[in-house]
């Protein structure tokens, strides 16, 4: 199964680790450091040109998605219940 993260980006549900609201990056020192390390290793991708609303962590990359974390979580939950 796959999850659409916005734009033309689709990832395998099995690769998904976490979905966060983008505010976590500002409020958590640890998450900010995590993203900095991922960015340094060139594992960060911004999806589309719209304002990012969520942070999606997969096994290999970190994505800034223009879709809200609640919408992405609902999509992921629908896949789990199928």
Protein backbone atom coordinates (compact mmCIF):
# COMPACT_ATOMS: atom_id res chain seq x y z
CA UNK A 1 0.00 0.00 0.00
CA UNK A 2 1.05 3.58 -0.63
CA UNK A 3 0.42 6.97 0.98
CA UNK A 4 0.22 10.18 -1.05
CA UNK A 5 2.23 12.91 0.72
CA UNK A 6 1.34 15.75 -1.64
CA UNK A 7 2.50 16.93 -5.03
CA UNK A 8 3.65 13.88 -6.94
CA UNK A 9 5.22 12.13 -3.94
CA UNK A 10 3.96 8.72 -2.89
CA UNK A 11 5.70 6.45 -0.38
CA UNK A 12 5.17 2.85 0.65
CA UNK A 13 3.21 2.58 3.89
CA UNK A 14 5.75 0.04 5.13
CA UNK A 15 8.48 2.72 4.89
CA UNK A 16 6.55 5.14 7.11
CA UNK A 17 8.00 5.73 10.58
CA UNK A 18 6.19 8.85 11.87
CA UNK A 19 3.99 11.79 10.90
CA UNK A 20 4.30 15.03 12.87
CA UNK A 21 2.74 18.47 12.77
CA UNK A 22 5.40 20.92 11.62
CA UNK A 23 5.17 22.80 14.93
CA UNK A 24 7.16 19.98 16.56
CA UNK A 25 10.25 21.19 14.73
CA UNK A 26 9.99 24.54 16.48
CA UNK A 27 9.02 23.24 19.92
CA UNK A 28 11.36 20.25 20.27
CA UNK A 29 15.13 20.60 20.39
CA UNK A 30 15.59 16.88 19.63
CA UNK A 31 13.38 16.95 16.53
CA UNK A 32 15.17 20.07 15.30
CA UNK A 33 18.53 18.28 15.68
CA UNK A 34 17.16 15.20 13.92
CA UNK A 35 16.09 17.27 10.91
CA UNK A 36 19.44 19.10 10.88
CA UNK A 37 21.32 15.78 10.73
CA UNK A 38 19.01 14.48 8.00
CA UNK A 39 19.50 17.72 6.06
CA UNK A 40 23.27 17.44 6.42
CA UNK A 41 23.09 13.90 5.01
CA UNK A 42 20.87 15.16 2.13
CA UNK A 43 17.90 13.07 3.26
CA UNK A 44 15.39 15.94 3.44
CA UNK A 45 12.90 16.68 0.67
CA UNK A 46 10.38 19.51 0.46
CA UNK A 47 7.29 18.45 -1.46
CA UNK A 48 5.84 21.08 -3.78
CA UNK A 49 6.00 24.84 -3.42
CA UNK A 50 3.13 25.25 -0.99
CA UNK A 51 3.70 25.98 2.68
CA UNK A 52 4.71 22.84 4.55
CA UNK A 53 2.28 21.66 7.23
CA UNK A 54 3.74 18.34 8.34
CA UNK A 55 6.94 16.42 8.76
CA UNK A 56 6.90 12.83 7.50
CA UNK A 57 9.68 10.48 8.60
CA UNK A 58 10.39 7.35 6.58
CA UNK A 59 13.15 4.78 6.93
CA UNK A 60 15.35 6.64 4.44
CA UNK A 61 14.10 10.25 4.18
CA UNK A 62 12.43 13.18 5.88
CA UNK A 63 9.69 14.94 3.91
CA UNK A 64 8.12 18.35 4.42
CA UNK A 65 4.57 17.86 3.20
CA UNK A 66 1.97 20.51 2.30
CA UNK A 67 -0.75 18.18 3.63
CA UNK A 68 -1.74 18.44 7.29
CA UNK A 69 -0.54 15.78 9.69
CA UNK A 70 -4.13 14.88 10.61
CA UNK A 71 -5.03 14.18 6.97
CA UNK A 72 -1.90 12.06 6.48
CA UNK A 73 -2.60 10.15 9.72
CA UNK A 74 -6.15 9.43 8.52
CA UNK A 75 -4.79 8.10 5.22
CA UNK A 76 -2.31 5.89 7.05
CA UNK A 77 -5.00 4.65 9.45
CA UNK A 78 -7.27 3.74 6.53
CA UNK A 79 -4.50 1.55 5.12
CA UNK A 80 -4.06 -0.19 8.45
CA UNK A 81 -7.76 -1.04 8.73
CA UNK A 82 -7.98 -2.44 5.18
